[in-house]
Amino acid sequence: MPWFANIVNFLVSKQLPAHWSTQDKRKFLNKVKNFYWDDPYLFKYCPDQIFQRCIPDNEVSNALNFVILRHVGVISHQVKNCKNLTKWILLAHHVQRLIYILQDL
């Protein structure tokens, strides 16, 4: 079950689980006010006034791979003949290692 299942269930049905304590309900309602459901996607309104789409944990590494490899490819194409290419390749390597670390969490 995705991490945001309770949020989506509340936004759709407007009902909280009956077994939750008053403190749990209060904490949840405080958190859920920053979320917006637009079927089939859930968005979070962030403090920097940007809406971010929420994705399940099992899709995080694929999304990171797509975004990072796409940008590294564009950057390496732009600096193809520059001596800074080594720096970009090293950066891509470090980001790839970070993705593997995040997959293990």
Foldseek 3Di string as FASTA:
>chain_A
DFPCPQLVVCVVPVDHDPPDDPVVVVVVVVLSVQWDCDPPWIWGQDPVRDIDTDDGLVCVLVVLCVVLVVVLVVVCVVCVPPPCNVVSVVVSVVSVVVSVVSNVD
